[in-house]
Structures are given as structure tokens and as C-alpha cells.
Amino acid sequence: MGETATPLKTEDDAAERQPLSIEYFKKVRHDVTFSERRFDVNTLPEDMRRVYGHLEEKFGEEYGLLFIFTMRTAVELHRAWNM
């Protein structure tokens, strides 16, 4: 309990640290090249492929893949939590 708190940052510290500008993010976004590689849905188990196909037909490819990746992540997190 005899510890002392660290001092709060001063205005001088805040002045030295400038927030990143929108131009910086635009530059980074435009410098990154996007590849044309696509996820092969045929590697999915049959039941996931069926769900993906239904979602793709109804809502589009992006939504279908987003759902599949979210579901796979949730399953793996659940498995890891219960180890």
C-alpha cells in the first residue's frame, strides 16, 4: 500500500504525441495491394458449405463468408475455453 501513483501526463506530453491524421490512414490503405486470392468454400465441411450456399444466395458472398468465419472462430474459441 506504500506505492505511489505515477504522475498524470501533462499537456506538454500530449502536445508531443500528435494523433494520426486521416491522410495517414488513406495513404496506408492505398499503399496496401489487395490480392485476387479467394477462399475456396469447397474446403469447408458439408454442413458449413450448405449454410454458406444458402446465405450466399440470399445475402451475397461477403455476408456468407463473414458468417462462416465468425462461426468457425466461435467454435475454436469454445473448444479452447473448455480445454
N, C-alpha and C. Protein backbone atom coordinates (compact mmCIF):
# COMPACT_ATOMS: atom_id res chain seq x y z
N MET A 1 0.82 -1.19 0.00
CA MET A 1 0.00 0.00 0.00
C MET A 1 0.86 1.25 0.00
N GLY A 2 2.18 1.12 0.20
CA GLY A 2 3.05 2.27 0.25
C GLY A 2 3.49 2.75 -1.13
N GLU A 3 2.89 2.18 -2.21
CA GLU A 3 3.28 2.58 -3.56
C GLU A 3 2.71 3.95 -3.89
N THR A 4 3.46 4.68 -4.71
CA THR A 4 2.97 5.99 -5.15
C THR A 4 2.43 5.86 -6.56
N ALA A 5 1.43 6.62 -6.84
CA ALA A 5 0.84 6.60 -8.17
C ALA A 5 1.75 7.31 -9.16
N THR A 6 1.73 6.87 -10.40
CA THR A 6 2.52 7.55 -11.42
C THR A 6 1.83 8.87 -11.77
N PRO A 7 2.62 9.89 -12.05
CA PRO A 7 2.01 11.19 -12.35
C PRO A 7 1.23 11.16 -13.66
N LEU A 8 0.20 11.95 -13.72
CA LEU A 8 -0.60 12.05 -14.93
C LEU A 8 0.20 12.73 -16.02
N LYS A 9 -0.10 12.43 -17.23
CA LYS A 9 0.59 13.06 -18.35
C LYS A 9 0.23 14.54 -18.40
N THR A 10 1.19 15.33 -18.73
CA THR A 10 0.98 16.77 -18.77
C THR A 10 0.57 17.19 -20.18
N GLU A 11 0.20 18.44 -20.31
CA GLU A 11 -0.17 18.96 -21.63
C GLU A 11 1.02 18.93 -22.58
N ASP A 12 2.24 19.10 -22.05
CA ASP A 12 3.43 19.03 -22.89
C ASP A 12 3.58 17.64 -23.51
N ASP A 13 3.29 16.60 -22.72
CA ASP A 13 3.36 15.23 -23.24
C ASP A 13 2.34 15.04 -24.36
N ALA A 14 1.15 15.56 -24.16
CA ALA A 14 0.09 15.42 -25.15
C ALA A 14 0.44 16.19 -26.43
N ALA A 15 1.12 17.33 -26.28
CA ALA A 15 1.48 18.12 -27.46
C ALA A 15 2.52 17.39 -28.30
N GLU A 16 3.41 16.63 -27.65
CA GLU A 16 4.43 15.89 -28.39
C GLU A 16 3.82 14.73 -29.17
N ARG A 17 2.77 14.15 -28.66
CA ARG A 17 2.15 13.00 -29.29
C ARG A 17 0.95 13.46 -30.11
N GLN A 18 1.12 13.55 -31.40
CA GLN A 18 0.06 14.01 -32.30
C GLN A 18 -0.78 12.82 -32.74
N PRO A 19 -2.08 12.98 -32.83
CA PRO A 19 -2.91 11.88 -33.34
C PRO A 19 -2.64 11.68 -34.83
N LEU A 20 -2.83 10.45 -35.27
CA LEU A 20 -2.62 10.15 -36.68
C LEU A 20 -3.71 10.80 -37.51
N SER A 21 -3.33 11.35 -38.62
CA SER A 21 -4.27 12.07 -39.47
C SER A 21 -5.01 11.10 -40.39
N ILE A 22 -6.11 11.56 -40.92
CA ILE A 22 -6.88 10.77 -41.87
C ILE A 22 -6.06 10.51 -43.12
N GLU A 23 -5.24 11.47 -43.50
CA GLU A 23 -4.39 11.30 -44.69
C GLU A 23 -3.45 10.11 -44.50
N TYR A 24 -2.96 9.92 -43.26
CA TYR A 24 -2.07 8.79 -42.99
C TYR A 24 -2.79 7.48 -43.28
N PHE A 25 -4.03 7.36 -42.78
CA PHE A 25 -4.78 6.13 -42.99
C PHE A 25 -5.12 5.93 -44.45
N LYS A 26 -5.45 7.00 -45.15
CA LYS A 26 -5.73 6.89 -46.58
C LYS A 26 -4.49 6.40 -47.31
N LYS A 27 -3.33 6.94 -46.94
CA LYS A 27 -2.08 6.56 -47.58
C LYS A 27 -1.81 5.08 -47.35
N VAL A 28 -1.95 4.63 -46.10
CA VAL A 28 -1.69 3.23 -45.80
C VAL A 28 -2.66 2.35 -46.57
N ARG A 29 -3.92 2.73 -46.59
CA ARG A 29 -4.93 1.94 -47.29
C ARG A 29 -4.62 1.83 -48.78
N HIS A 30 -4.13 2.92 -49.37
CA HIS A 30 -3.85 2.90 -50.80
C HIS A 30 -2.51 2.26 -51.12
N ASP A 31 -1.62 2.19 -50.14
CA ASP A 31 -0.34 1.54 -50.37
C ASP A 31 -0.45 0.02 -50.31
N VAL A 32 -1.45 -0.47 -49.59
CA VAL A 32 -1.63 -1.91 -49.47
C VAL A 32 -2.27 -2.43 -50.75
N THR A 33 -1.66 -3.44 -51.32
CA THR A 33 -2.24 -4.01 -52.53
C THR A 33 -3.15 -5.16 -52.12
N PHE A 34 -4.27 -5.25 -52.76
CA PHE A 34 -5.22 -6.31 -52.47
C PHE A 34 -5.05 -7.41 -53.51
N SER A 35 -4.99 -8.63 -53.04
CA SER A 35 -4.81 -9.74 -53.97
C SER A 35 -6.16 -10.25 -54.45
N GLU A 36 -6.12 -11.04 -55.46
CA GLU A 36 -7.34 -11.61 -56.02
C GLU A 36 -7.56 -13.03 -55.51
N ARG A 37 -6.80 -13.44 -54.49
CA ARG A 37 -6.98 -14.78 -53.94
C ARG A 37 -8.33 -14.85 -53.26
N ARG A 38 -8.99 -15.96 -53.43
CA ARG A 38 -10.32 -16.13 -52.86
C ARG A 38 -10.34 -17.40 -52.02
N PHE A 39 -11.17 -17.39 -50.99
CA PHE A 39 -11.32 -18.55 -50.13
C PHE A 39 -12.08 -19.64 -50.89
N ASP A 40 -11.56 -20.85 -50.85
CA ASP A 40 -12.20 -21.97 -51.54
C ASP A 40 -13.22 -22.61 -50.60
N VAL A 41 -14.48 -22.35 -50.84
CA VAL A 41 -15.54 -22.87 -49.96
C VAL A 41 -15.67 -24.38 -50.05
N ASN A 42 -15.07 -25.00 -51.06
CA ASN A 42 -15.12 -26.46 -51.18
C ASN A 42 -14.30 -27.15 -50.10
N THR A 43 -13.45 -26.41 -49.39
CA THR A 43 -12.67 -26.99 -48.30
C THR A 43 -13.48 -27.05 -47.00
N LEU A 44 -14.65 -26.43 -46.98
CA LEU A 44 -15.49 -26.45 -45.79
C LEU A 44 -16.17 -27.80 -45.64
N PRO A 45 -16.50 -28.17 -44.39
CA PRO A 45 -17.31 -29.38 -44.20
C PRO A 45 -18.66 -29.22 -44.90
N GLU A 46 -19.29 -30.33 -45.20
CA GLU A 46 -20.52 -30.32 -45.99
C GLU A 46 -21.61 -29.44 -45.38
N ASP A 47 -21.80 -29.52 -44.06
CA ASP A 47 -22.87 -28.73 -43.44
C ASP A 47 -22.59 -27.23 -43.51
N MET A 48 -21.34 -26.84 -43.32
CA MET A 48 -20.99 -25.42 -43.43
C MET A 48 -21.11 -24.93 -44.87
N ARG A 49 -20.75 -25.79 -45.81
CA ARG A 49 -20.87 -25.42 -47.22
C ARG A 49 -22.33 -25.20 -47.59
N ARG A 50 -23.21 -26.03 -47.03
CA ARG A 50 -24.64 -25.88 -47.28
C ARG A 50 -25.16 -24.56 -46.71
N VAL A 51 -24.74 -24.24 -45.47
CA VAL A 51 -25.15 -22.97 -44.86
C VAL A 51 -24.61 -21.80 -45.65
N TYR A 52 -23.33 -21.89 -46.04
CA TYR A 52 -22.73 -20.82 -46.84
C TYR A 52 -23.50 -20.61 -48.15
N GLY A 53 -23.82 -21.71 -48.83
CA GLY A 53 -24.54 -21.60 -50.10
C GLY A 53 -25.88 -20.91 -49.93
N HIS A 54 -26.59 -21.24 -48.86
CA HIS A 54 -27.89 -20.61 -48.61
C HIS A 54 -27.72 -19.12 -48.33
N LEU A 55 -26.72 -18.77 -47.48
CA LEU A 55 -26.51 -17.36 -47.15
C LEU A 55 -26.01 -16.57 -48.35
N GLU A 56 -25.15 -17.19 -49.17
CA GLU A 56 -24.64 -16.50 -50.35
C GLU A 56 -25.78 -16.20 -51.32
N GLU A 57 -26.66 -17.17 -51.49
CA GLU A 57 -27.78 -16.98 -52.40
C GLU A 57 -28.71 -15.86 -51.92
N LYS A 58 -28.93 -15.83 -50.61
CA LYS A 58 -29.89 -14.88 -50.05
C LYS A 58 -29.29 -13.49 -49.81
N PHE A 59 -28.03 -13.43 -49.30
CA PHE A 59 -27.45 -12.16 -48.87
C PHE A 59 -26.15 -11.76 -49.58
N GLY A 60 -25.56 -12.65 -50.36
CA GLY A 60 -24.33 -12.33 -51.06
C GLY A 60 -23.13 -13.06 -50.49
N GLU A 61 -22.07 -13.09 -51.28
CA GLU A 61 -20.86 -13.83 -50.93
C GLU A 61 -20.20 -13.29 -49.66
N GLU A 62 -20.07 -11.97 -49.56
CA GLU A 62 -19.37 -11.38 -48.43
C GLU A 62 -20.04 -11.74 -47.10
N TYR A 63 -21.35 -11.64 -47.05
CA TYR A 63 -22.08 -11.97 -45.82
C TYR A 63 -21.93 -13.45 -45.49
N GLY A 64 -22.03 -14.31 -46.50
CA GLY A 64 -21.89 -15.74 -46.28
C GLY A 64 -20.54 -16.10 -45.70
N LEU A 65 -19.47 -15.54 -46.27
CA LEU A 65 -18.13 -15.80 -45.75
C LEU A 65 -17.94 -15.23 -44.36
N LEU A 66 -18.47 -14.04 -44.14
CA LEU A 66 -18.35 -13.42 -42.81
C LEU A 66 -19.01 -14.30 -41.75
N PHE A 67 -20.18 -14.83 -42.06
CA PHE A 67 -20.86 -15.70 -41.11
C PHE A 67 -20.06 -16.98 -40.86
N ILE A 68 -19.55 -17.60 -41.91
CA ILE A 68 -18.78 -18.84 -41.77
C ILE A 68 -17.52 -18.60 -40.94
N PHE A 69 -16.79 -17.53 -41.22
CA PHE A 69 -15.57 -17.26 -40.46
C PHE A 69 -15.89 -16.94 -39.00
N THR A 70 -16.99 -16.23 -38.77
CA THR A 70 -17.38 -15.92 -37.39
C THR A 70 -17.76 -17.19 -36.66
N MET A 71 -18.50 -18.06 -37.30
CA MET A 71 -18.91 -19.31 -36.67
C MET A 71 -17.71 -20.20 -36.39
N ARG A 72 -16.78 -20.28 -37.33
CA ARG A 72 -15.58 -21.11 -37.11
C ARG A 72 -14.74 -20.56 -35.96
N THR A 73 -14.64 -19.24 -35.88
CA THR A 73 -13.89 -18.62 -34.79
C THR A 73 -14.56 -18.92 -33.45
N ALA A 74 -15.88 -18.82 -33.40
CA ALA A 74 -16.61 -19.10 -32.16
C ALA A 74 -16.43 -20.55 -31.73
N VAL A 75 -16.46 -21.47 -32.66
CA VAL A 75 -16.28 -22.89 -32.34
C VAL A 75 -14.88 -23.12 -31.76
N GLU A 76 -13.87 -22.54 -32.40
CA GLU A 76 -12.50 -22.73 -31.91
C GLU A 76 -12.28 -22.07 -30.54
N LEU A 77 -12.87 -20.90 -30.33
CA LEU A 77 -12.77 -20.26 -29.01
C LEU A 77 -13.46 -21.10 -27.95
N HIS A 78 -14.59 -21.68 -28.28
CA HIS A 78 -15.32 -22.53 -27.34
C HIS A 78 -14.49 -23.77 -26.99
N ARG A 79 -13.86 -24.37 -28.00
CA ARG A 79 -13.01 -25.54 -27.75
C ARG A 79 -11.82 -25.17 -26.87
N ALA A 80 -11.19 -24.05 -27.16
CA ALA A 80 -10.02 -23.62 -26.38
C ALA A 80 -10.42 -23.32 -24.94
N TRP A 81 -11.58 -22.70 -24.75
CA TRP A 81 -12.04 -22.35 -23.41
C TRP A 81 -12.26 -23.60 -22.56
N ASN A 82 -12.71 -24.67 -23.19
CA ASN A 82 -13.05 -25.89 -22.46
C ASN A 82 -11.90 -26.90 -22.38
N MET A 83 -10.72 -26.51 -22.76
CA MET A 83 -9.57 -27.44 -22.67
C MET A 83 -9.08 -27.52 -21.25
